Amino acid sequence: MKIGVIADTHIPDRADAIPEVILKEFRHVDMVIHAGDLVEAAVIEELKRVCKNVQAVWGNMDPAEVRELLPGKKILKIGKFRIGIMHGYGHPDKLPELLLEEFKNDNVNLVIFGHSHRPAEFVKKGIKFFNPGSVTDKLFTPFNSYGIIEINDAIESKIIKL
């Protein structure tokens, strides 16, 4: 399974729409995961135009309209793996500890998150963590980015700079 991963789009605050290069790439994935801070619910429909299987959670900057549509935390089972999705909150440097605590009873293999706008891939306490960065905002990083995750017998991930 090939998954396109984005977070922190902040539409329309940071951009009018998801960049066309992302939409073009996501036509070739089996699933899209948005790790929160959509800001506008229409982002989900925009993603569904290119990939019918869209999974998302709300983030700390999402208004009530988005929070009513999406959960704050989600767990997916893909093959033999359990994938946790949560935006995150609070100080960006404390996200790994926060997420470990949030998913401590969920037996996840991978946690996909956002919030910091900084792309990241690391393993902590045997769990892989993946933050795709932001495709629309460079406030906390010198480049925009998104992620691709491939799940077969293993979980392989990569961050793609725009």
C-alpha atoms as a PDB file:
ATOM      1  CA  MET A   1       0.000   0.000   0.000  1.00  0.00           C
ATOM      2  CA  LYS A   2       1.266   3.444  -0.937  1.00  0.00           C
ATOM      3  CA  ILE A   3       0.149   6.341   1.279  1.00  0.00           C
ATOM      4  CA  GLY A   4       0.512  10.075   0.667  1.00  0.00           C
ATOM      5  CA  VAL A   5       0.924  12.005   3.919  1.00  0.00           C
ATOM      6  CA  ILE A   6       0.409  15.718   4.590  1.00  0.00           C
ATOM      7  CA  ALA A   7      -0.252  17.908   7.612  1.00  0.00           C
ATOM      8  CA  ASP A   8      -0.515  21.550   8.569  1.00  0.00           C
ATOM      9  CA  THR A   9      -2.041  22.820   5.326  1.00  0.00           C
ATOM     10  CA  HIS A  10      -3.751  25.747   7.109  1.00  0.00           C
ATOM     11  CA  ILE A  11      -5.984  26.499   4.124  1.00  0.00           C
ATOM     12  CA  PRO A  12      -6.923  29.309   3.461  1.00  0.00           C
ATOM     13  CA  ASP A  13      -4.607  30.987   6.006  1.00  0.00           C
ATOM     14  CA  ARG A  14      -1.286  29.849   4.487  1.00  0.00           C
ATOM     15  CA  ALA A  15      -2.406  29.050   0.918  1.00  0.00           C
ATOM     16  CA  ASP A  16      -5.564  29.098  -1.186  1.00  0.00           C
ATOM     17  CA  ALA A  17      -5.397  25.379  -1.967  1.00  0.00           C
ATOM     18  CA  ILE A  18      -3.241  22.286  -1.735  1.00  0.00           C
ATOM     19  CA  PRO A  19      -0.362  22.714  -4.208  1.00  0.00           C
ATOM     20  CA  GLU A  20      -1.079  21.095  -7.574  1.00  0.00           C
ATOM     21  CA  VAL A  21       2.144  19.043  -7.407  1.00  0.00           C
ATOM     22  CA  ILE A  22       0.742  17.286  -4.303  1.00  0.00           C
ATOM     23  CA  LEU A  23      -2.622  16.588  -5.923  1.00  0.00           C
ATOM     24  CA  LYS A  24      -0.868  15.182  -8.978  1.00  0.00           C
ATOM     25  CA  GLU A  25       1.319  12.874  -6.849  1.00  0.00           C
ATOM     26  CA  PHE A  26      -1.629  11.733  -4.735  1.00  0.00           C
ATOM     27  CA  ARG A  27      -3.422  10.440  -7.846  1.00  0.00           C
ATOM     28  CA  HIS A  28      -0.943   7.528  -7.625  1.00  0.00           C
ATOM     29  CA  VAL A  29      -1.471   6.519  -3.979  1.00  0.00           C
ATOM     30  CA  ASP A  30      -3.888   4.069  -2.355  1.00  0.00           C
ATOM     31  CA  MET A  31      -4.607   6.311   0.627  1.00  0.00           C
ATOM     32  CA  VAL A  32      -4.049   9.891   1.766  1.00  0.00           C
ATOM     33  CA  ILE A  33      -3.506  10.731   5.427  1.00  0.00           C
ATOM     34  CA  HIS A  34      -3.849  14.317   6.645  1.00  0.00           C
ATOM     35  CA  ALA A  35      -2.428  14.728  10.157  1.00  0.00           C
ATOM     36  CA  GLY A  36      -4.440  17.806  11.104  1.00  0.00           C
ATOM     37  CA  ASP A  37      -4.617  21.576  10.886  1.00  0.00           C
ATOM     38  CA  LEU A  38      -6.623  21.534   7.681  1.00  0.00           C
ATOM     39  CA  VAL A  39      -8.381  24.707   8.951  1.00  0.00           C
ATOM     40  CA  GLU A  40     -11.061  24.374   6.254  1.00  0.00           C
ATOM     41  CA  ALA A  41     -13.149  21.192   5.879  1.00  0.00           C
ATOM     42  CA  ALA A  42     -13.099  21.599   2.083  1.00  0.00           C
ATOM     43  CA  VAL A  43      -9.514  20.278   2.158  1.00  0.00           C
ATOM     44  CA  ILE A  44     -10.936  16.751   2.650  1.00  0.00           C
ATOM     45  CA  GLU A  45     -13.094  17.054  -0.468  1.00  0.00           C
ATOM     46  CA  GLU A  46     -10.161  18.443  -2.443  1.00  0.00           C
ATOM     47  CA  LEU A  47      -8.094  15.395  -1.481  1.00  0.00           C
ATOM     48  CA  LYS A  48     -10.954  12.993  -2.252  1.00  0.00           C
ATOM     49  CA  ARG A  49     -11.027  14.291  -5.826  1.00  0.00           C
ATOM     50  CA  VAL A  50      -7.638  12.619  -6.378  1.00  0.00           C
ATOM     51  CA  CYS A  51      -7.839   9.683  -3.929  1.00  0.00           C
ATOM     52  CA  LYS A  52     -11.093   8.274  -2.590  1.00  0.00           C
ATOM     53  CA  ASN A  53      -9.485   6.847   0.576  1.00  0.00           C
ATOM     54  CA  VAL A  54      -8.722   9.888   2.743  1.00  0.00           C
ATOM     55  CA  GLN A  55      -8.064   9.510   6.475  1.00  0.00           C
ATOM     56  CA  ALA A  56      -7.646  12.575   8.669  1.00  0.00           C
ATOM     57  CA  VAL A  57      -7.629  13.912  12.217  1.00  0.00           C
ATOM     58  CA  TRP A  58      -8.227  17.420  13.493  1.00  0.00           C
ATOM     59  CA  GLY A  59      -5.422  19.636  14.749  1.00  0.00           C
ATOM     60  CA  ASN A  60      -5.166  22.365  17.349  1.00  0.00           C
ATOM     61  CA  MET A  61      -5.890  25.133  14.819  1.00  0.00           C
ATOM     62  CA  ASP A  62      -8.941  23.451  13.310  1.00  0.00           C
ATOM     63  CA  PRO A  63     -12.285  25.151  14.007  1.00  0.00           C
ATOM     64  CA  ALA A  64     -15.379  23.422  15.406  1.00  0.00           C
ATOM     65  CA  GLU A  65     -16.623  22.674  11.862  1.00  0.00           C
ATOM     66  CA  VAL A  66     -13.589  20.429  11.225  1.00  0.00           C
ATOM     67  CA  ARG A  67     -13.564  18.932  14.736  1.00  0.00           C
ATOM     68  CA  GLU A  68     -17.172  17.809  14.268  1.00  0.00           C
ATOM     69  CA  LEU A  69     -16.202  15.892  11.113  1.00  0.00           C
ATOM     70  CA  LEU A  70     -12.933  14.298  12.241  1.00  0.00           C
ATOM     71  CA  PRO A  71     -11.546  12.519  15.302  1.00  0.00           C
ATOM     72  CA  GLY A  72      -8.594  13.904  17.244  1.00  0.00           C
ATOM     73  CA  LYS A  73      -6.898  10.496  17.224  1.00  0.00           C
ATOM     74  CA  LYS A  74      -7.222   7.569  14.858  1.00  0.00           C
ATOM     75  CA  ILE A  75      -5.753   4.089  14.565  1.00  0.00           C
ATOM     76  CA  LEU A  76      -5.632   2.236  11.247  1.00  0.00           C
ATOM     77  CA  LYS A  77      -4.791  -1.418  10.681  1.00  0.00           C
ATOM     78  CA  ILE A  78      -2.895  -1.889   7.432  1.00  0.00           C
ATOM     79  CA  GLY A  79      -1.654  -5.397   6.814  1.00  0.00           C
ATOM     80  CA  LYS A  80       0.090  -6.563   9.980  1.00  0.00           C
ATOM     81  CA  PHE A  81       0.738  -2.984  11.174  1.00  0.00           C
ATOM     82  CA  ARG A  82      -1.145  -0.575  13.419  1.00  0.00           C
ATOM     83  CA  ILE A  83      -0.797   3.101  12.477  1.00  0.00           C
ATOM     84  CA  GLY A  84      -1.670   5.852  14.926  1.00  0.00           C
ATOM     85  CA  ILE A  85      -2.543   9.326  13.661  1.00  0.00           C
ATOM     86  CA  MET A  86      -2.718  12.418  15.843  1.00  0.00           C
ATOM     87  CA  HIS A  87      -1.836  16.028  15.152  1.00  0.00           C
ATOM     88  CA  GLY A  88      -0.131  16.835  18.438  1.00  0.00           C
ATOM     89  CA  TYR A  89      -0.177  19.961  20.581  1.00  0.00           C
ATOM     90  CA  GLY A  90       1.984  21.960  22.932  1.00  0.00           C
ATOM     91  CA  HIS A  91       5.720  22.586  22.576  1.00  0.00           C
ATOM     92  CA  PRO A  92       7.090  20.928  19.397  1.00  0.00           C
ATOM     93  CA  ASP A  93      10.144  19.547  21.212  1.00  0.00           C
ATOM     94  CA  LYS A  94       7.862  17.597  23.550  1.00  0.00           C
ATOM     95  CA  LEU A  95       5.825  15.929  20.785  1.00  0.00           C
ATOM     96  CA  PRO A  96       7.572  12.520  20.952  1.00  0.00           C
ATOM     97  CA  GLU A  97       6.836  12.138  24.673  1.00  0.00           C
ATOM     98  CA  LEU A  98       3.276  13.423  24.265  1.00  0.00           C
ATOM     99  CA  LEU A  99       2.571  10.978  21.425  1.00  0.00           C
ATOM    100  CA  LEU A 100       4.162   8.046  23.268  1.00  0.00           C
ATOM    101  CA  GLU A 101       1.801   8.752  26.152  1.00  0.00           C
ATOM    102  CA  GLU A 102      -1.250   9.178  23.890  1.00  0.00           C
ATOM    103  CA  PHE A 103      -0.623   5.838  22.123  1.00  0.00           C
ATOM    104  CA  LYS A 104       0.839   3.864  25.068  1.00  0.00           C
ATOM    105  CA  ASN A 105      -2.029   1.342  25.166  1.00  0.00           C
ATOM    106  CA  ASP A 106      -2.628   1.083  21.416  1.00  0.00           C
ATOM    107  CA  ASN A 107       0.224  -1.217  20.323  1.00  0.00           C
ATOM    108  CA  VAL A 108       1.084   0.949  17.295  1.00  0.00           C
ATOM    109  CA  ASN A 109       4.029   0.403  14.956  1.00  0.00           C
ATOM    110  CA  LEU A 110       3.923   3.873  13.386  1.00  0.00           C
ATOM    111  CA  VAL A 111       2.710   7.269  14.591  1.00  0.00           C
ATOM    112  CA  ILE A 112       1.955   9.937  11.993  1.00  0.00           C
ATOM    113  CA  PHE A 113       1.763  13.464  13.387  1.00  0.00           C
ATOM    114  CA  GLY A 114       2.044  17.149  12.515  1.00  0.00           C
ATOM    115  CA  HIS A 115       1.950  20.366  14.571  1.00  0.00           C
ATOM    116  CA  SER A 116       5.623  21.379  14.381  1.00  0.00           C
ATOM    117  CA  HIS A 117       5.545  21.986  10.581  1.00  0.00           C
ATOM    118  CA  ARG A 118       9.008  20.330  10.584  1.00  0.00           C
ATOM    119  CA  PRO A 119       9.474  17.052   8.732  1.00  0.00           C
ATOM    120  CA  ALA A 120      10.779  14.250  10.920  1.00  0.00           C
ATOM    121  CA  GLU A 121      11.412  10.509  10.840  1.00  0.00           C
ATOM    122  CA  PHE A 122      12.728   8.687  13.897  1.00  0.00           C
ATOM    123  CA  VAL A 123      12.236   5.626  16.081  1.00  0.00           C
ATOM    124  CA  LYS A 124      11.565   5.939  19.798  1.00  0.00           C
ATOM    125  CA  LYS A 125      10.869   2.994  22.116  1.00  0.00           C
ATOM    126  CA  GLY A 126      10.453   0.713  19.094  1.00  0.00           C
ATOM    127  CA  ILE A 127       7.818   2.906  17.419  1.00  0.00           C
ATOM    128  CA  LYS A 128       8.460   4.729  14.158  1.00  0.00           C
ATOM    129  CA  PHE A 129       7.396   8.391  14.151  1.00  0.00           C
ATOM    130  CA  PHE A 130       6.711  10.327  10.953  1.00  0.00           C
ATOM    131  CA  ASN A 131       5.903  14.013  10.441  1.00  0.00           C
ATOM    132  CA  PRO A 132       5.562  15.051   6.763  1.00  0.00           C
ATOM    133  CA  GLY A 133       6.120  18.765   7.479  1.00  0.00           C
ATOM    134  CA  SER A 134       3.871  21.311   5.786  1.00  0.00           C
ATOM    135  CA  VAL A 135       3.149  21.720   2.062  1.00  0.00           C
ATOM    136  CA  THR A 136       2.060  25.333   2.521  1.00  0.00           C
ATOM    137  CA  ASP A 137       4.010  26.902   5.399  1.00  0.00           C
ATOM    138  CA  LYS A 138       7.742  27.500   5.946  1.00  0.00           C
ATOM    139  CA  LEU A 139       7.489  29.377   9.229  1.00  0.00           C
ATOM    140  CA  PHE A 140       9.500  26.773  11.187  1.00  0.00           C
ATOM    141  CA  THR A 141      11.473  25.084   8.394  1.00  0.00           C
ATOM    142  CA  PRO A 142      13.375  26.232   5.290  1.00  0.00           C
ATOM    143  CA  PHE A 143      11.302  24.109   2.875  1.00  0.00           C
ATOM    144  CA  ASN A 144       7.832  22.708   2.280  1.00  0.00           C
ATOM    145  CA  SER A 145       7.436  18.945   2.284  1.00  0.00           C
ATOM    146  CA  TYR A 146       5.108  15.960   2.286  1.00  0.00           C
ATOM    147  CA  GLY A 147       5.553  12.254   2.839  1.00  0.00           C
ATOM    148  CA  ILE A 148       5.149   8.922   1.126  1.00  0.00           C
ATOM    149  CA  ILE A 149       4.806   5.754   3.164  1.00  0.00           C
ATOM    150  CA  GLU A 150       4.833   2.291   1.610  1.00  0.00           C
ATOM    151  CA  ILE A 151       3.549  -0.624   3.642  1.00  0.00           C
ATOM    152  CA  ASN A 152       4.190  -4.180   2.529  1.00  0.00           C
ATOM    153  CA  ASP A 153       6.232  -6.563   4.695  1.00  0.00           C
ATOM    154  CA  ALA A 154       7.783  -3.501   6.325  1.00  0.00           C
ATOM    155  CA  ILE A 155       7.029   0.215   6.710  1.00  0.00           C
ATOM    156  CA  GLU A 156       9.151   2.400   4.445  1.00  0.00           C
ATOM    157  CA  SER A 157       8.830   6.164   4.553  1.00  0.00           C
ATOM    158  CA  LYS A 158      10.350   9.168   2.870  1.00  0.00           C
ATOM    159  CA  ILE A 159      10.027  12.905   3.159  1.00  0.00           C
ATOM    160  CA  ILE A 160       9.837  14.751  -0.137  1.00  0.00           C
ATOM    161  CA  LYS A 161      10.975  18.371  -0.313  1.00  0.00           C
ATOM    162  CA  LEU A 162       9.087  20.712  -2.599  1.00  0.00           C
END
